[in-house]
C-alpha atoms as a PDB file:
ATOM      1  CA  MET A   1      -4.577  -3.196  37.838  1.00  0.00           C
ATOM      2  CA  LYS A   2      -7.346  -5.690  37.087  1.00  0.00           C
ATOM      3  CA  ALA A   3      -4.820  -8.539  37.166  1.00  0.00           C
ATOM      4  CA  HIS A   4      -3.570  -7.426  40.586  1.00  0.00           C
ATOM      5  CA  ILE A   5      -7.099  -7.067  41.964  1.00  0.00           C
ATOM      6  CA  LEU A   6      -8.080 -10.538  40.792  1.00  0.00           C
ATOM      7  CA  LYS A   7      -4.875 -12.054  42.158  1.00  0.00           C
ATOM      8  CA  LEU A   8      -5.481 -10.530  45.605  1.00  0.00           C
ATOM      9  CA  LEU A   9      -9.114 -11.655  45.686  1.00  0.00           C
ATOM     10  CA  ARG A  10      -8.258 -15.170  44.481  1.00  0.00           C
ATOM     11  CA  THR A  11      -5.357 -15.555  46.891  1.00  0.00           C
ATOM     12  CA  SER A  12      -7.504 -14.492  49.837  1.00  0.00           C
ATOM     13  CA  GLY A  13     -10.471 -16.682  49.047  1.00  0.00           C
ATOM     14  CA  ASP A  14     -12.463 -14.454  51.410  1.00  0.00           C
ATOM     15  CA  VAL A  15     -13.443 -10.833  51.805  1.00  0.00           C
ATOM     16  CA  VAL A  16     -10.692  -8.273  51.182  1.00  0.00           C
ATOM     17  CA  SER A  17     -11.294  -4.797  52.517  1.00  0.00           C
ATOM     18  CA  GLY A  18     -11.201  -1.762  50.279  1.00  0.00           C
ATOM     19  CA  ASN A  19      -8.453  -0.273  52.438  1.00  0.00           C
ATOM     20  CA  ALA A  20      -6.325  -3.396  52.030  1.00  0.00           C
ATOM     21  CA  LEU A  21      -6.740  -3.329  48.243  1.00  0.00           C
ATOM     22  CA  CYS A  22      -5.831   0.363  48.084  1.00  0.00           C
ATOM     23  CA  ALA A  23      -2.745  -0.158  50.232  1.00  0.00           C
ATOM     24  CA  ARG A  24      -1.525  -3.173  48.229  1.00  0.00           C
ATOM     25  CA  LEU A  25      -2.183  -1.532  44.887  1.00  0.00           C
ATOM     26  CA  GLY A  26      -1.149   2.013  45.732  1.00  0.00           C
ATOM     27  CA  ALA A  27      -4.414   3.329  44.309  1.00  0.00           C
ATOM     28  CA  SER A  28      -7.358   5.363  45.534  1.00  0.00           C
ATOM     29  CA  ARG A  29     -10.657   3.798  46.564  1.00  0.00           C
ATOM     30  CA  VAL A  30     -12.316   5.424  43.561  1.00  0.00           C
ATOM     31  CA  ALA A  31      -9.785   3.875  41.156  1.00  0.00           C
ATOM     32  CA  VAL A  32     -10.163   0.429  42.728  1.00  0.00           C
ATOM     33  CA  TRP A  33     -13.941   0.674  42.607  1.00  0.00           C
ATOM     34  CA  LYS A  34     -13.902   1.620  38.915  1.00  0.00           C
ATOM     35  CA  HIS A  35     -11.798  -1.440  38.064  1.00  0.00           C
ATOM     36  CA  ILE A  36     -14.078  -3.694  40.113  1.00  0.00           C
ATOM     37  CA  GLN A  37     -17.135  -2.273  38.363  1.00  0.00           C
ATOM     38  CA  LYS A  38     -15.563  -3.027  34.997  1.00  0.00           C
ATOM     39  CA  LEU A  39     -14.751  -6.575  36.065  1.00  0.00           C
ATOM     40  CA  GLN A  40     -18.350  -7.039  37.205  1.00  0.00           C
ATOM     41  CA  GLU A  41     -19.586  -5.809  33.831  1.00  0.00           C
ATOM     42  CA  LEU A  42     -17.356  -8.404  32.160  1.00  0.00           C
ATOM     43  CA  GLY A  43     -18.957 -11.237  34.108  1.00  0.00           C
ATOM     44  CA  TYR A  44     -16.822 -11.525  37.241  1.00  0.00           C
ATOM     45  CA  ASP A  45     -19.082 -12.213  40.224  1.00  0.00           C
ATOM     46  CA  ILE A  46     -17.500  -9.894  42.782  1.00  0.00           C
ATOM     47  CA  GLU A  47     -19.553  -9.418  45.908  1.00  0.00           C
ATOM     48  CA  SER A  48     -19.189  -5.998  47.505  1.00  0.00           C
ATOM     49  CA  GLY A  49     -20.286  -5.021  51.007  1.00  0.00           C
ATOM     50  CA  ALA A  50     -19.392  -3.072  54.091  1.00  0.00           C
ATOM     51  CA  ARG A  51     -16.451  -5.380  54.849  1.00  0.00           C
ATOM     52  CA  GLY A  52     -14.991  -5.201  51.345  1.00  0.00           C
ATOM     53  CA  TYR A  53     -14.946  -7.421  48.251  1.00  0.00           C
ATOM     54  CA  ARG A  54     -15.061 -11.159  47.597  1.00  0.00           C
ATOM     55  CA  LEU A  55     -14.675 -12.987  44.292  1.00  0.00           C
ATOM     56  CA  ARG A  56     -17.396 -15.616  44.019  1.00  0.00           C
ATOM     57  CA  SER A  57     -16.759 -16.816  40.460  1.00  0.00           C
ATOM     58  CA  SER A  58     -14.969 -15.874  37.237  1.00  0.00           C
ATOM     59  CA  PRO A  59     -16.019 -16.186  33.590  1.00  0.00           C
ATOM     60  CA  ASP A  60     -13.945 -18.009  30.990  1.00  0.00           C
ATOM     61  CA  SER A  61     -12.283 -14.704  30.136  1.00  0.00           C
ATOM     62  CA  LEU A  62      -9.567 -14.319  27.516  1.00  0.00           C
ATOM     63  CA  HIS A  63      -8.597 -10.789  28.519  1.00  0.00           C
ATOM     64  CA  PRO A  64      -4.866 -10.070  28.939  1.00  0.00           C
ATOM     65  CA  TRP A  65      -5.025  -9.866  32.742  1.00  0.00           C
ATOM     66  CA  GLU A  66      -5.950 -13.566  32.866  1.00  0.00           C
ATOM     67  CA  PHE A  67      -2.532 -14.553  31.512  1.00  0.00           C
ATOM     68  CA  PRO A  68      -0.011 -13.686  34.271  1.00  0.00           C
ATOM     69  CA  GLY A  69       3.411 -12.955  32.821  1.00  0.00           C
ATOM     70  CA  ARG A  70       1.983 -12.569  29.317  1.00  0.00           C
ATOM     71  CA  GLU A  71      -0.299  -9.570  29.829  1.00  0.00           C
ATOM     72  CA  ALA A  72       1.816  -7.189  27.729  1.00  0.00           C
ATOM     73  CA  ARG A  73       1.834  -9.626  24.794  1.00  0.00           C
ATOM     74  CA  MET A  74      -1.870 -10.516  24.799  1.00  0.00           C
ATOM     75  CA  VAL A  75      -4.348  -8.589  22.640  1.00  0.00           C
ATOM     76  CA  TYR A  76      -8.049  -9.387  23.065  1.00  0.00           C
ATOM     77  CA  HIS A  77     -11.033  -8.366  20.952  1.00  0.00           C
ATOM     78  CA  ALA A  78     -14.581  -9.463  21.712  1.00  0.00           C
ATOM     79  CA  GLU A  79     -15.057  -9.472  17.939  1.00  0.00           C
ATOM     80  CA  ALA A  80     -12.516  -8.966  15.166  1.00  0.00           C
ATOM     81  CA  PRO A  81     -12.518  -9.331  11.391  1.00  0.00           C
ATOM     82  CA  SER A  82      -9.524 -11.723  11.491  1.00  0.00           C
ATOM     83  CA  THR A  83      -6.844 -12.314  14.116  1.00  0.00           C
ATOM     84  CA  MET A  84      -4.415 -13.115  11.284  1.00  0.00           C
ATOM     85  CA  ASP A  85      -4.797  -9.652   9.786  1.00  0.00           C
ATOM     86  CA  LEU A  86      -4.398  -7.915  13.151  1.00  0.00           C
ATOM     87  CA  ALA A  87      -1.340 -10.007  14.048  1.00  0.00           C
ATOM     88  CA  LYS A  88       0.290  -9.324  10.680  1.00  0.00           C
ATOM     89  CA  ASP A  89       0.014  -5.579  11.286  1.00  0.00           C
ATOM     90  CA  LEU A  90       1.550  -5.939  14.761  1.00  0.00           C
ATOM     91  CA  ALA A  91       4.355  -8.176  13.456  1.00  0.00           C
ATOM     92  CA  ARG A  92       5.269  -5.682  10.764  1.00  0.00           C
ATOM     93  CA  LYS A  93       5.431  -2.965  13.427  1.00  0.00           C
ATOM     94  CA  GLY A  94       7.962  -5.006  15.409  1.00  0.00           C
ATOM     95  CA  CYS A  95       5.901  -6.551  18.210  1.00  0.00           C
ATOM     96  CA  PRO A  96       7.768  -9.085  20.372  1.00  0.00           C
ATOM     97  CA  ALA A  97       7.680 -12.805  19.740  1.00  0.00           C
ATOM     98  CA  PHE A  98       4.658 -14.576  21.227  1.00  0.00           C
ATOM     99  CA  THR A  99       2.413 -11.564  20.885  1.00  0.00           C
ATOM    100  CA  THR A 100      -0.990 -13.260  20.693  1.00  0.00           C
ATOM    101  CA  VAL A 101      -4.166 -11.800  19.214  1.00  0.00           C
ATOM    102  CA  VAL A 102      -7.344 -13.456  20.497  1.00  0.00           C
ATOM    103  CA  ALA A 103     -10.937 -12.885  19.399  1.00  0.00           C
ATOM    104  CA  GLY A 104     -14.196 -13.974  21.014  1.00  0.00           C
ATOM    105  CA  ARG A 105     -15.499 -14.397  17.491  1.00  0.00           C
ATOM    106  CA  GLN A 106     -14.319 -13.502  13.996  1.00  0.00           C
ATOM    107  CA  ALA A 107     -16.402 -11.865  11.303  1.00  0.00           C
ATOM    108  CA  GLN A 108     -13.995 -12.836   8.517  1.00  0.00           C
ATOM    109  CA  GLY A 109     -12.142 -15.864   9.834  1.00  0.00           C
ATOM    110  CA  ARG A 110     -10.362 -17.778   7.104  1.00  0.00           C
ATOM    111  CA  GLY A 111      -8.779 -21.142   6.547  1.00  0.00           C
ATOM    112  CA  ARG A 112      -6.446 -22.540   3.907  1.00  0.00           C
ATOM    113  CA  LEU A 113      -6.787 -21.357   0.314  1.00  0.00           C
ATOM    114  CA  ARG A 114      -8.836 -18.355   1.547  1.00  0.00           C
ATOM    115  CA  ARG A 115     -11.771 -20.503   2.632  1.00  0.00           C
ATOM    116  CA  VAL A 116     -14.133 -19.162   5.302  1.00  0.00           C
ATOM    117  CA  TRP A 117     -13.611 -20.469   8.849  1.00  0.00           C
ATOM    118  CA  SER A 118     -16.768 -20.353  10.972  1.00  0.00           C
ATOM    119  CA  SER A 119     -15.835 -18.457  14.127  1.00  0.00           C
ATOM    120  CA  GLU A 120     -18.829 -18.321  16.423  1.00  0.00           C
ATOM    121  CA  GLU A 121     -18.866 -17.595  20.159  1.00  0.00           C
ATOM    122  CA  GLY A 122     -17.431 -20.367  22.328  1.00  0.00           C
ATOM    123  CA  GLY A 123     -14.545 -21.375  20.086  1.00  0.00           C
ATOM    124  CA  LEU A 124     -10.892 -20.431  20.535  1.00  0.00           C
ATOM    125  CA  TYR A 125      -9.609 -18.185  17.753  1.00  0.00           C
ATOM    126  CA  PHE A 126      -6.142 -16.690  17.963  1.00  0.00           C
ATOM    127  CA  THR A 127      -2.938 -15.906  16.102  1.00  0.00           C
ATOM    128  CA  VAL A 128       0.506 -16.008  17.695  1.00  0.00           C
ATOM    129  CA  VAL A 129       3.472 -14.097  16.278  1.00  0.00           C
ATOM    130  CA  LEU A 130       6.653 -16.189  16.226  1.00  0.00           C
ATOM    131  CA  ARG A 131      10.183 -15.055  15.410  1.00  0.00           C
ATOM    132  CA  PRO A 132      12.242 -18.266  15.241  1.00  0.00           C
ATOM    133  CA  ARG A 133      15.886 -17.961  14.249  1.00  0.00           C
ATOM    134  CA  ILE A 134      15.654 -20.262  11.259  1.00  0.00           C
ATOM    135  CA  PRO A 135      16.198 -20.106   7.486  1.00  0.00           C
ATOM    136  CA  VAL A 136      13.174 -19.772   5.229  1.00  0.00           C
ATOM    137  CA  ARG A 137      13.494 -23.373   3.997  1.00  0.00           C
ATOM    138  CA  TRP A 138      12.658 -24.585   7.519  1.00  0.00           C
ATOM    139  CA  SER A 139       9.575 -22.410   7.920  1.00  0.00           C
ATOM    140  CA  SER A 140       7.079 -25.265   7.494  1.00  0.00           C
ATOM    141  CA  ARG A 141       8.633 -26.997  10.507  1.00  0.00           C
ATOM    142  CA  VAL A 142       7.124 -24.281  12.678  1.00  0.00           C
ATOM    143  CA  ASN A 143       3.625 -25.265  11.478  1.00  0.00           C
ATOM    144  CA  PHE A 144       4.358 -28.907  12.284  1.00  0.00           C
ATOM    145  CA  LEU A 145       5.669 -27.978  15.723  1.00  0.00           C
ATOM    146  CA  ALA A 146       2.528 -25.937  16.489  1.00  0.00           C
ATOM    147  CA  SER A 147       0.108 -28.656  15.385  1.00  0.00           C
ATOM    148  CA  PHE A 148       2.022 -31.407  17.192  1.00  0.00           C
ATOM    149  CA  THR A 149       2.175 -29.288  20.348  1.00  0.00           C
ATOM    150  CA  LEU A 150      -1.567 -28.701  20.365  1.00  0.00           C
ATOM    151  CA  ALA A 151      -2.375 -32.334  19.556  1.00  0.00           C
ATOM    152  CA  SER A 152      -0.145 -33.461  22.450  1.00  0.00           C
ATOM    153  CA  ILE A 153      -1.934 -31.150  24.870  1.00  0.00           C
ATOM    154  CA  LEU A 154      -5.331 -32.405  23.727  1.00  0.00           C
ATOM    155  CA  ARG A 155      -4.207 -36.021  24.118  1.00  0.00           C
ATOM    156  CA  GLN A 156      -2.425 -35.719  27.444  1.00  0.00           C
ATOM    157  CA  GLY A 157      -4.451 -32.982  29.121  1.00  0.00           C
ATOM    158  CA  TYR A 158      -7.964 -33.783  27.930  1.00  0.00           C
ATOM    159  CA  GLY A 159      -7.921 -37.426  26.877  1.00  0.00           C
ATOM    160  CA  VAL A 160      -8.841 -36.581  23.289  1.00  0.00           C
ATOM    161  CA  ASP A 161      -7.498 -38.893  20.564  1.00  0.00           C
ATOM    162  CA  ALA A 162      -6.263 -36.017  18.405  1.00  0.00           C
ATOM    163  CA  GLY A 163      -4.777 -36.992  15.049  1.00  0.00           C
ATOM    164  CA  LEU A 164      -2.800 -34.821  12.641  1.00  0.00           C
ATOM    165  CA  LYS A 165      -3.872 -34.550   9.034  1.00  0.00           C
ATOM    166  CA  TRP A 166      -1.348 -33.122   6.588  1.00  0.00           C
ATOM    167  CA  PRO A 167      -0.612 -30.314   6.361  1.00  0.00           C
ATOM    168  CA  ASN A 168      -2.133 -28.732   9.449  1.00  0.00           C
ATOM    169  CA  ASP A 169      -5.537 -29.976  10.638  1.00  0.00           C
ATOM    170  CA  ILE A 170      -6.392 -31.801  13.845  1.00  0.00           C
ATOM    171  CA  LEU A 171      -9.034 -34.533  13.573  1.00  0.00           C
ATOM    172  CA  VAL A 172     -10.802 -36.750  16.065  1.00  0.00           C
ATOM    173  CA  GLY A 173     -12.495 -39.819  14.641  1.00  0.00           C
ATOM    174  CA  GLY A 174     -12.328 -38.329  11.166  1.00  0.00           C
ATOM    175  CA  ARG A 175     -14.039 -35.102  12.271  1.00  0.00           C
ATOM    176  CA  LYS A 176     -12.249 -31.756  12.181  1.00  0.00           C
ATOM    177  CA  LEU A 177     -11.562 -30.282  15.591  1.00  0.00           C
ATOM    178  CA  CYS A 178      -9.004 -27.633  14.676  1.00  0.00           C
ATOM    179  CA  GLY A 179      -7.484 -25.859  11.720  1.00  0.00           C
ATOM    180  CA  LEU A 180      -4.142 -24.052  11.542  1.00  0.00           C
ATOM    181  CA  LEU A 181      -3.032 -21.392   9.114  1.00  0.00           C
ATOM    182  CA  SER A 182       0.393 -19.788   8.777  1.00  0.00           C
ATOM    183  CA  GLU A 183       1.766 -16.663   7.138  1.00  0.00           C
ATOM    184  CA  MET A 184       5.442 -15.812   6.874  1.00  0.00           C
ATOM    185  CA  GLU A 185       7.565 -12.812   5.961  1.00  0.00           C
ATOM    186  CA  SER A 186      11.329 -12.973   5.569  1.00  0.00           C
ATOM    187  CA  GLU A 187      14.413 -10.831   5.205  1.00  0.00           C
ATOM    188  CA  GLY A 188      16.737 -12.451   2.721  1.00  0.00           C
ATOM    189  CA  GLU A 189      17.154 -16.095   3.676  1.00  0.00           C
ATOM    190  CA  GLN A 190      16.085 -15.618   7.297  1.00  0.00           C
ATOM    191  CA  VAL A 191      12.570 -15.681   8.703  1.00  0.00           C
ATOM    192  CA  ASN A 192      11.381 -12.336  10.041  1.00  0.00           C
ATOM    193  CA  PHE A 193       8.148 -13.653  11.502  1.00  0.00           C
ATOM    194  CA  ILE A 194       5.773 -16.575  11.157  1.00  0.00           C
ATOM    195  CA  ASN A 195       2.211 -16.072  12.300  1.00  0.00           C
ATOM    196  CA  ILE A 196       0.301 -19.180  13.304  1.00  0.00           C
ATOM    197  CA  GLY A 197      -3.477 -18.784  13.279  1.00  0.00           C
ATOM    198  CA  ILE A 198      -5.554 -21.385  15.080  1.00  0.00           C
ATOM    199  CA  GLY A 199      -9.287 -22.005  15.110  1.00  0.00           C
ATOM    200  CA  LEU A 200     -10.243 -24.637  17.680  1.00  0.00           C
ATOM    201  CA  ASN A 201     -13.796 -25.812  18.253  1.00  0.00           C
ATOM    202  CA  VAL A 202     -14.099 -25.747  22.031  1.00  0.00           C
ATOM    203  CA  ASN A 203     -17.566 -24.875  23.378  1.00  0.00           C
ATOM    204  CA  ASN A 204     -19.129 -23.736  20.107  1.00  0.00           C
ATOM    205  CA  ASP A 205     -21.421 -25.775  17.869  1.00  0.00           C
ATOM    206  CA  PRO A 206     -19.595 -26.260  14.545  1.00  0.00           C
ATOM    207  CA  PRO A 207     -21.686 -25.907  11.390  1.00  0.00           C
ATOM    208  CA  LYS A 208     -22.830 -29.040   9.602  1.00  0.00           C
ATOM    209  CA  VAL A 209     -20.238 -29.243   6.839  1.00  0.00           C
ATOM    210  CA  GLN A 210     -18.366 -31.867   4.847  1.00  0.00           C
ATOM    211  CA  PRO A 211     -15.953 -33.190   5.918  1.00  0.00           C
ATOM    212  CA  PRO A 212     -17.694 -33.098   9.328  1.00  0.00           C
ATOM    213  CA  ALA A 213     -16.493 -31.069  12.318  1.00  0.00           C
ATOM    214  CA  VAL A 214     -16.684 -31.598  16.079  1.00  0.00           C
ATOM    215  CA  SER A 215     -16.038 -29.627  19.266  1.00  0.00           C
ATOM    216  CA  LEU A 216     -14.325 -30.483  22.543  1.00  0.00           C
ATOM    217  CA  LYS A 217     -17.610 -29.910  24.342  1.00  0.00           C
ATOM    218  CA  ALA A 218     -19.310 -32.536  22.192  1.00  0.00           C
ATOM    219  CA  LEU A 219     -16.445 -34.996  22.656  1.00  0.00           C
ATOM    220  CA  LEU A 220     -16.127 -34.600  26.426  1.00  0.00           C
ATOM    221  CA  GLY A 221     -19.739 -33.865  27.359  1.00  0.00           C
ATOM    222  CA  ARG A 222     -18.772 -30.707  29.246  1.00  0.00           C
ATOM    223  CA  GLU A 223     -17.541 -27.200  28.651  1.00  0.00           C
ATOM    224  CA  VAL A 224     -13.773 -26.747  28.529  1.00  0.00           C
ATOM    225  CA  PRO A 225     -12.063 -23.607  29.915  1.00  0.00           C
ATOM    226  CA  ARG A 226     -10.542 -21.886  26.886  1.00  0.00           C
ATOM    227  CA  ARG A 227      -8.160 -19.795  28.982  1.00  0.00           C
ATOM    228  CA  GLU A 228      -6.561 -22.875  30.507  1.00  0.00           C
ATOM    229  CA  LEU A 229      -6.181 -24.502  27.101  1.00  0.00           C
ATOM    230  CA  LEU A 230      -4.628 -21.398  25.517  1.00  0.00           C
ATOM    231  CA  SER A 231      -2.205 -20.934  28.420  1.00  0.00           C
ATOM    232  CA  ARG A 232      -1.056 -24.539  28.165  1.00  0.00           C
ATOM    233  CA  PHE A 233      -0.509 -24.236  24.444  1.00  0.00           C
ATOM    234  CA  LEU A 234       1.455 -20.970  24.594  1.00  0.00           C
ATOM    235  CA  ASP A 235       3.688 -22.284  27.388  1.00  0.00           C
ATOM    236  CA  ALA A 236       4.391 -25.556  25.550  1.00  0.00           C
ATOM    237  CA  LEU A 237       4.974 -23.868  22.203  1.00  0.00           C
ATOM    238  CA  GLU A 238       7.378 -21.359  23.732  1.00  0.00           C
ATOM    239  CA  GLN A 239       9.352 -24.229  25.249  1.00  0.00           C
ATOM    240  CA  GLY A 240       9.380 -26.023  21.897  1.00  0.00           C
ATOM    241  CA  ILE A 241      10.633 -22.955  20.032  1.00  0.00           C
ATOM    242  CA  ALA A 242      13.334 -22.322  22.674  1.00  0.00           C
ATOM    243  CA  ALA A 243      14.566 -25.925  22.430  1.00  0.00           C
ATOM    244  CA  GLU A 244      15.374 -25.398  18.720  1.00  0.00           C
ATOM    245  CA  SER A 245      15.112 -29.135  18.049  1.00  0.00           C
ATOM    246  CA  TRP A 246      14.134 -28.510  14.451  1.00  0.00           C
ATOM    247  CA  ASP A 247      15.555 -31.817  13.212  1.00  0.00           C
ATOM    248  CA  ARG A 248      13.007 -33.720  15.352  1.00  0.00           C
ATOM    249  CA  VAL A 249       9.856 -31.774  14.531  1.00  0.00           C
ATOM    250  CA  VAL A 250       8.594 -33.697  11.496  1.00  0.00           C
ATOM    251  CA  GLY A 251       9.412 -37.043  13.124  1.00  0.00           C
ATOM    252  CA  ASP A 252       7.390 -36.070  16.203  1.00  0.00           C
ATOM    253  CA  TRP A 253       4.505 -34.966  13.996  1.00  0.00           C
ATOM    254  CA  LYS A 254       4.443 -38.360  12.262  1.00  0.00           C
ATOM    255  CA  THR A 255       3.736 -40.123  15.567  1.00  0.00           C
ATOM    256  CA  CYS A 256       0.282 -38.517  15.608  1.00  0.00           C
ATOM    257  CA  SER A 257      -0.362 -38.592  11.851  1.00  0.00           C
ATOM    258  CA  VAL A 258      -3.633 -39.933  10.427  1.00  0.00           C
ATOM    259  CA  THR A 259      -2.497 -39.221   6.844  1.00  0.00           C
ATOM    260  CA  LEU A 260       0.396 -41.576   6.223  1.00  0.00           C
ATOM    261  CA  ASN A 261      -0.016 -45.020   4.639  1.00  0.00           C
ATOM    262  CA  ARG A 262      -3.507 -44.363   3.331  1.00  0.00           C
ATOM    263  CA  PRO A 263      -5.054 -43.133   0.078  1.00  0.00           C
ATOM    264  CA  VAL A 264      -5.598 -39.389  -0.117  1.00  0.00           C
ATOM    265  CA  ARG A 265      -6.753 -36.742  -2.558  1.00  0.00           C
ATOM    266  CA  ILE A 266      -4.896 -33.411  -2.701  1.00  0.00           C
ATOM    267  CA  VAL A 267      -6.754 -30.398  -4.061  1.00  0.00           C
ATOM    268  CA  THR A 268      -5.315 -26.999  -4.970  1.00  0.00           C
ATOM    269  CA  THR A 269      -6.843 -24.094  -6.857  1.00  0.00           C
ATOM    270  CA  LYS A 270      -5.239 -25.457 -10.022  1.00  0.00           C
ATOM    271  CA  GLU A 271      -5.251 -29.257  -9.878  1.00  0.00           C
ATOM    272  CA  GLU A 272      -6.164 -32.444  -8.070  1.00  0.00           C
ATOM    273  CA  THR A 273      -3.787 -35.331  -7.293  1.00  0.00           C
ATOM    274  CA  SER A 274      -4.546 -38.756  -5.801  1.00  0.00           C
ATOM    275  CA  GLY A 275      -2.398 -41.535  -4.405  1.00  0.00           C
ATOM    276  CA  VAL A 276      -1.111 -43.141  -1.234  1.00  0.00           C
ATOM    277  CA  ALA A 277       0.573 -40.849   1.284  1.00  0.00           C
ATOM    278  CA  VAL A 278       3.917 -42.570   1.794  1.00  0.00           C
ATOM    279  CA  ASP A 279       5.885 -40.081   3.866  1.00  0.00           C
ATOM    280  CA  VAL A 280       6.532 -36.447   4.796  1.00  0.00           C
ATOM    281  CA  ASP A 281      10.001 -35.094   4.075  1.00  0.00           C
ATOM    282  CA  GLU A 282      12.175 -33.054   6.435  1.00  0.00           C
ATOM    283  CA  ASN A 283      10.598 -29.782   5.347  1.00  0.00           C
ATOM    284  CA  GLY A 284       6.990 -30.922   5.414  1.00  0.00           C
ATOM    285  CA  ALA A 285       6.271 -31.898   1.791  1.00  0.00           C
ATOM    286  CA  LEU A 286       3.956 -34.883   1.347  1.00  0.00           C
ATOM    287  CA  LEU A 287       5.372 -37.778  -0.696  1.00  0.00           C
ATOM    288  CA  LEU A 288       2.580 -39.367  -2.705  1.00  0.00           C
ATOM    289  CA  ARG A 289       2.729 -42.682  -4.610  1.00  0.00           C
ATOM    290  CA  GLN A 290       0.411 -42.330  -7.600  1.00  0.00           C
ATOM    291  CA  SER A 291      -1.529 -45.142  -9.259  1.00  0.00           C
ATOM    292  CA  ASP A 292       1.123 -45.536 -11.991  1.00  0.00           C
ATOM    293  CA  GLY A 293       3.829 -46.042  -9.358  1.00  0.00           C
ATOM    294  CA  THR A 294       5.439 -42.623  -9.775  1.00  0.00           C
ATOM    295  CA  MET A 295       6.164 -40.459  -6.755  1.00  0.00           C
ATOM    296  CA  ALA A 296       4.871 -36.914  -6.445  1.00  0.00           C
ATOM    297  CA  THR A 297       6.136 -34.305  -3.994  1.00  0.00           C
ATOM    298  CA  ILE A 298       3.215 -32.187  -2.761  1.00  0.00           C
ATOM    299  CA  LEU A 299       4.154 -28.836  -1.257  1.00  0.00           C
ATOM    300  CA  TYR A 300       0.692 -27.513  -0.450  1.00  0.00           C
ATOM    301  CA  GLY A 301      -2.992 -28.181  -0.885  1.00  0.00           C
ATOM    302  CA  ASP A 302      -6.078 -29.469   0.912  1.00  0.00           C
ATOM    303  CA  CYS A 303      -5.818 -33.123   1.842  1.00  0.00           C
ATOM    304  CA  PHE A 304      -8.900 -35.353   1.815  1.00  0.00           C
ATOM    305  CA  LEU A 305      -8.594 -38.804   3.371  1.00  0.00           C
ATOM    306  CA  GLN A 306     -10.041 -41.591   1.284  1.00  0.00           C
ATOM    307  CA  ALA A 307     -11.721 -44.762   2.514  1.00  0.00           C
END
């Protein structure tokens, strides 16, 4: 109902009478008024008067009704412990592909290797449930597709020189703009679902950490509508999944890489490895030339770029 009300008010651009809204929506005046009151409470500047209602301005809302055609697959929480945990529960219960859990902020946001991800108001924090028809051995290609898709949108839509750091971070000028995290469950040799969690610094002020972080607001000198950015990403990712061009994914990712052909340090909970990042293989493993000339195949870990 809220989506329909907003669409009618936005399409009109002027005052819409209460009678007209009731007739178009098939609802009583009381029901319409209750929805308008709720929208006003959520920050929508809806002017009401004797002639009817007019929408003066809208907040940067991430509620389901702001994603036409996706409403049934969008889940919004003003605050959540972790969108990854909520999405995992939905995926296990059989939710459709591209169900997306969004949070205004996260109390227990996490990054790779269970590290804490700062998730304060103004950032974009979400997890999308994917159900690609691929074997388990290709699962990492989904991560590469997601990160390349987002980097392309940032480059083409916002003029941001987004670079991809193996395995799944987005950097700008050496500063971290975005982190991606994935979780997969399978049935036999086939993927059941892959959840991609994304934390993107948009209008928030990232904490002072090392390596340093940055936000889109700081880069562009203005606030960026999160709803527009999320819609663009979901549309582009859905097209990428549907295309099933899995043999091209890693090659596309390399075109935006800031990892290859430079010295790096890879850290896991068990060991640390250094060398020159030579290549990424077809399933996303990093090929590292060590100081003694031997090659190491790195399947996972945190990657630190060296001077």
